[in-house]
N, C-alpha and C. Protein backbone atom coordinates (compact mmCIF):
# COMPACT_ATOMS: atom_id res chain seq x y z
N MET A 1 -5.21 -21.44 17.10
CA MET A 1 -3.81 -21.76 16.96
C MET A 1 -3.06 -21.08 18.10
N LYS A 2 -2.15 -21.79 18.67
CA LYS A 2 -1.34 -21.22 19.74
C LYS A 2 -0.04 -20.71 19.15
N THR A 3 0.43 -19.60 19.73
CA THR A 3 1.72 -19.06 19.32
C THR A 3 2.32 -18.31 20.49
N THR A 4 3.59 -18.03 20.42
CA THR A 4 4.27 -17.28 21.46
C THR A 4 4.71 -15.95 20.88
N ILE A 5 4.42 -14.87 21.60
CA ILE A 5 4.89 -13.56 21.17
C ILE A 5 5.63 -12.89 22.32
N VAL A 6 6.57 -12.05 21.99
CA VAL A 6 7.32 -11.30 22.99
C VAL A 6 6.77 -9.88 23.00
N ILE A 7 6.31 -9.44 24.16
CA ILE A 7 5.72 -8.12 24.32
C ILE A 7 6.48 -7.40 25.42
N ALA A 8 6.76 -6.14 25.22
CA ALA A 8 7.44 -5.34 26.25
C ALA A 8 6.61 -5.38 27.54
N ASP A 9 7.30 -5.49 28.67
CA ASP A 9 6.63 -5.61 29.97
C ASP A 9 5.62 -4.48 30.20
N SER A 10 6.03 -3.25 29.91
CA SER A 10 5.14 -2.11 30.17
C SER A 10 3.89 -2.17 29.29
N LEU A 11 4.03 -2.60 28.05
CA LEU A 11 2.87 -2.72 27.17
C LEU A 11 1.96 -3.85 27.63
N LEU A 12 2.53 -4.93 28.07
CA LEU A 12 1.74 -6.06 28.56
C LEU A 12 0.93 -5.65 29.80
N GLU A 13 1.55 -4.93 30.71
CA GLU A 13 0.83 -4.47 31.91
C GLU A 13 -0.31 -3.54 31.54
N ARG A 14 -0.06 -2.62 30.61
CA ARG A 14 -1.13 -1.72 30.16
C ARG A 14 -2.28 -2.51 29.54
N ALA A 15 -1.94 -3.50 28.73
CA ALA A 15 -2.96 -4.32 28.07
C ALA A 15 -3.77 -5.10 29.11
N LYS A 16 -3.11 -5.64 30.10
CA LYS A 16 -3.83 -6.39 31.15
C LYS A 16 -4.76 -5.47 31.92
N ARG A 17 -4.28 -4.26 32.27
CA ARG A 17 -5.13 -3.31 32.98
C ARG A 17 -6.35 -2.94 32.14
N HIS A 18 -6.11 -2.69 30.86
CA HIS A 18 -7.21 -2.35 29.94
C HIS A 18 -8.20 -3.52 29.84
N GLY A 19 -7.67 -4.72 29.77
CA GLY A 19 -8.52 -5.90 29.71
C GLY A 19 -9.40 -6.05 30.95
N ARG A 20 -8.79 -5.80 32.10
CA ARG A 20 -9.58 -5.89 33.36
C ARG A 20 -10.67 -4.83 33.37
N LYS A 21 -10.33 -3.61 32.92
CA LYS A 21 -11.33 -2.52 32.92
C LYS A 21 -12.48 -2.81 31.97
N THR A 22 -12.17 -3.38 30.84
CA THR A 22 -13.19 -3.58 29.80
C THR A 22 -13.78 -4.98 29.81
N GLY A 23 -13.24 -5.87 30.66
CA GLY A 23 -13.76 -7.24 30.74
C GLY A 23 -13.39 -8.09 29.54
N ARG A 24 -12.26 -7.78 28.94
CA ARG A 24 -11.83 -8.54 27.76
C ARG A 24 -10.51 -9.25 28.06
N SER A 25 -10.33 -10.38 27.44
CA SER A 25 -9.10 -11.14 27.66
C SER A 25 -7.95 -10.55 26.84
N LEU A 26 -6.74 -10.90 27.26
CA LEU A 26 -5.56 -10.46 26.52
C LEU A 26 -5.62 -10.99 25.10
N ARG A 27 -6.08 -12.22 24.95
CA ARG A 27 -6.21 -12.81 23.63
C ARG A 27 -7.12 -11.96 22.74
N ALA A 28 -8.25 -11.53 23.29
CA ALA A 28 -9.19 -10.71 22.51
C ALA A 28 -8.56 -9.38 22.12
N LEU A 29 -7.82 -8.78 23.06
CA LEU A 29 -7.15 -7.52 22.76
C LEU A 29 -6.12 -7.67 21.65
N VAL A 30 -5.33 -8.73 21.72
CA VAL A 30 -4.30 -8.97 20.69
C VAL A 30 -4.97 -9.23 19.34
N GLU A 31 -6.01 -10.04 19.32
CA GLU A 31 -6.70 -10.33 18.05
C GLU A 31 -7.32 -9.07 17.46
N ASP A 32 -7.96 -8.25 18.32
CA ASP A 32 -8.55 -7.00 17.83
C ASP A 32 -7.49 -6.06 17.28
N GLY A 33 -6.36 -5.97 17.99
CA GLY A 33 -5.28 -5.10 17.53
C GLY A 33 -4.73 -5.55 16.18
N LEU A 34 -4.52 -6.85 16.03
CA LEU A 34 -4.04 -7.37 14.75
C LEU A 34 -5.06 -7.11 13.64
N GLN A 35 -6.33 -7.32 13.96
CA GLN A 35 -7.38 -7.10 12.96
C GLN A 35 -7.41 -5.65 12.51
N ARG A 36 -7.27 -4.73 13.46
CA ARG A 36 -7.27 -3.30 13.11
C ARG A 36 -6.11 -2.95 12.20
N VAL A 37 -4.94 -3.45 12.51
CA VAL A 37 -3.76 -3.16 11.68
C VAL A 37 -3.96 -3.70 10.27
N LEU A 38 -4.46 -4.91 10.17
CA LEU A 38 -4.66 -5.52 8.85
C LEU A 38 -5.77 -4.83 8.07
N ASP A 39 -6.84 -4.42 8.75
CA ASP A 39 -7.92 -3.69 8.08
C ASP A 39 -7.45 -2.32 7.60
N GLU A 40 -6.65 -1.66 8.42
CA GLU A 40 -6.13 -0.34 8.05
C GLU A 40 -5.24 -0.44 6.82
N GLU A 41 -4.47 -1.50 6.73
CA GLU A 41 -3.59 -1.72 5.58
C GLU A 41 -4.41 -1.82 4.30
N ARG A 42 -5.58 -2.44 4.38
CA ARG A 42 -6.45 -2.58 3.22
C ARG A 42 -7.03 -1.25 2.78
N ARG A 43 -7.21 -0.33 3.73
CA ARG A 43 -7.82 0.96 3.41
C ARG A 43 -6.85 1.92 2.75
N VAL A 44 -5.55 1.64 2.82
CA VAL A 44 -4.57 2.53 2.19
C VAL A 44 -4.73 2.39 0.68
N PRO A 45 -5.03 3.48 -0.01
CA PRO A 45 -5.24 3.38 -1.45
C PRO A 45 -3.95 3.03 -2.19
N ALA A 46 -4.10 2.33 -3.29
CA ALA A 46 -2.95 1.98 -4.11
C ALA A 46 -2.34 3.25 -4.69
N TYR A 47 -1.05 3.24 -4.85
CA TYR A 47 -0.37 4.41 -5.41
C TYR A 47 -0.77 4.60 -6.86
N ARG A 48 -1.11 5.82 -7.19
CA ARG A 48 -1.44 6.15 -8.58
C ARG A 48 -0.38 7.08 -9.11
N LEU A 49 0.13 6.75 -10.28
CA LEU A 49 1.12 7.60 -10.91
C LEU A 49 0.47 8.93 -11.29
N PRO A 50 1.19 10.03 -11.08
CA PRO A 50 0.62 11.30 -11.50
C PRO A 50 0.56 11.38 -13.02
N ASP A 51 -0.41 12.13 -13.52
CA ASP A 51 -0.58 12.29 -14.96
C ASP A 51 0.54 13.18 -15.50
N ARG A 52 1.37 12.63 -16.34
CA ARG A 52 2.48 13.37 -16.94
C ARG A 52 2.36 13.38 -18.46
N THR A 53 1.13 13.36 -18.95
CA THR A 53 0.94 13.35 -20.40
C THR A 53 1.41 14.66 -21.00
N VAL A 54 1.79 14.57 -22.26
CA VAL A 54 2.31 15.73 -22.99
C VAL A 54 1.41 15.96 -24.20
N GLY A 55 1.17 17.21 -24.52
CA GLY A 55 0.37 17.53 -25.70
C GLY A 55 -1.09 17.69 -25.37
N ASP A 56 -1.87 17.86 -26.43
CA ASP A 56 -3.31 18.04 -26.28
C ASP A 56 -3.98 16.69 -26.09
N PRO A 57 -4.90 16.58 -25.13
CA PRO A 57 -5.56 15.29 -24.88
C PRO A 57 -6.32 14.75 -26.08
N GLY A 58 -6.91 15.60 -26.90
CA GLY A 58 -7.70 15.13 -28.02
C GLY A 58 -6.93 15.00 -29.32
N ALA A 59 -5.70 15.46 -29.34
CA ALA A 59 -4.91 15.46 -30.58
C ALA A 59 -4.47 14.05 -30.94
N PRO A 60 -4.34 13.76 -32.24
CA PRO A 60 -3.87 12.44 -32.64
C PRO A 60 -2.40 12.23 -32.24
N ASN A 61 -2.04 10.99 -32.00
CA ASN A 61 -0.68 10.65 -31.61
C ASN A 61 0.21 10.72 -32.86
N PRO A 62 1.20 11.60 -32.88
CA PRO A 62 2.04 11.74 -34.07
C PRO A 62 2.94 10.53 -34.32
N LEU A 63 3.12 9.70 -33.32
CA LEU A 63 4.01 8.54 -33.48
C LEU A 63 3.34 7.36 -34.16
N THR A 64 2.01 7.35 -34.24
CA THR A 64 1.33 6.21 -34.85
C THR A 64 1.59 6.11 -36.35
N ALA A 65 1.97 7.20 -36.99
CA ALA A 65 2.23 7.18 -38.44
C ALA A 65 3.63 6.68 -38.76
N LEU A 66 4.48 6.53 -37.75
CA LEU A 66 5.88 6.13 -37.99
C LEU A 66 6.01 4.61 -38.13
N THR A 67 6.97 4.18 -38.93
CA THR A 67 7.33 2.77 -39.00
C THR A 67 8.18 2.44 -37.79
N TRP A 68 8.41 1.15 -37.56
CA TRP A 68 9.26 0.75 -36.44
C TRP A 68 10.65 1.34 -36.58
N GLN A 69 11.16 1.36 -37.77
CA GLN A 69 12.50 1.91 -38.01
C GLN A 69 12.51 3.41 -37.70
N ASP A 70 11.49 4.13 -38.18
CA ASP A 70 11.41 5.57 -37.91
C ASP A 70 11.25 5.83 -36.41
N LEU A 71 10.45 5.01 -35.76
CA LEU A 71 10.23 5.16 -34.33
C LEU A 71 11.53 4.90 -33.55
N ARG A 72 12.26 3.87 -33.96
CA ARG A 72 13.56 3.58 -33.33
C ARG A 72 14.52 4.74 -33.52
N ASP A 73 14.55 5.27 -34.72
CA ASP A 73 15.42 6.42 -34.99
C ASP A 73 15.01 7.63 -34.15
N GLU A 74 13.70 7.80 -33.96
CA GLU A 74 13.20 8.91 -33.15
C GLU A 74 13.65 8.76 -31.70
N ILE A 75 13.58 7.51 -31.20
CA ILE A 75 13.94 7.26 -29.81
C ILE A 75 15.45 7.34 -29.60
N TYR A 76 16.21 6.70 -30.46
CA TYR A 76 17.65 6.59 -30.27
C TYR A 76 18.46 7.63 -31.06
N GLY A 77 17.81 8.53 -31.68
CA GLY A 77 18.54 9.60 -32.37
C GLY A 77 19.19 9.18 -33.68
N GLY A 78 18.63 8.22 -34.37
CA GLY A 78 19.12 7.83 -35.69
C GLY A 78 20.39 7.02 -35.68
N ARG A 79 20.64 6.26 -34.63
CA ARG A 79 21.85 5.43 -34.56
C ARG A 79 21.79 4.31 -35.55
């Protein structure tokens, strides 16, 4: 697929010099650069929420014994 991109003159000159030194085309350099950026993005781990649990890990949940009404009152202060 053909496309047009705007590249700063100084960066383009550096890329051309690098291409001449390494025997690679500008197209190959651009494709490799894009591939690296996209691969790096995949390697960034997904954000994990920190553990903010309260109480003993093995203890039973005291809220499971409550009815919906009792639970609502617990949350909203008995409104």
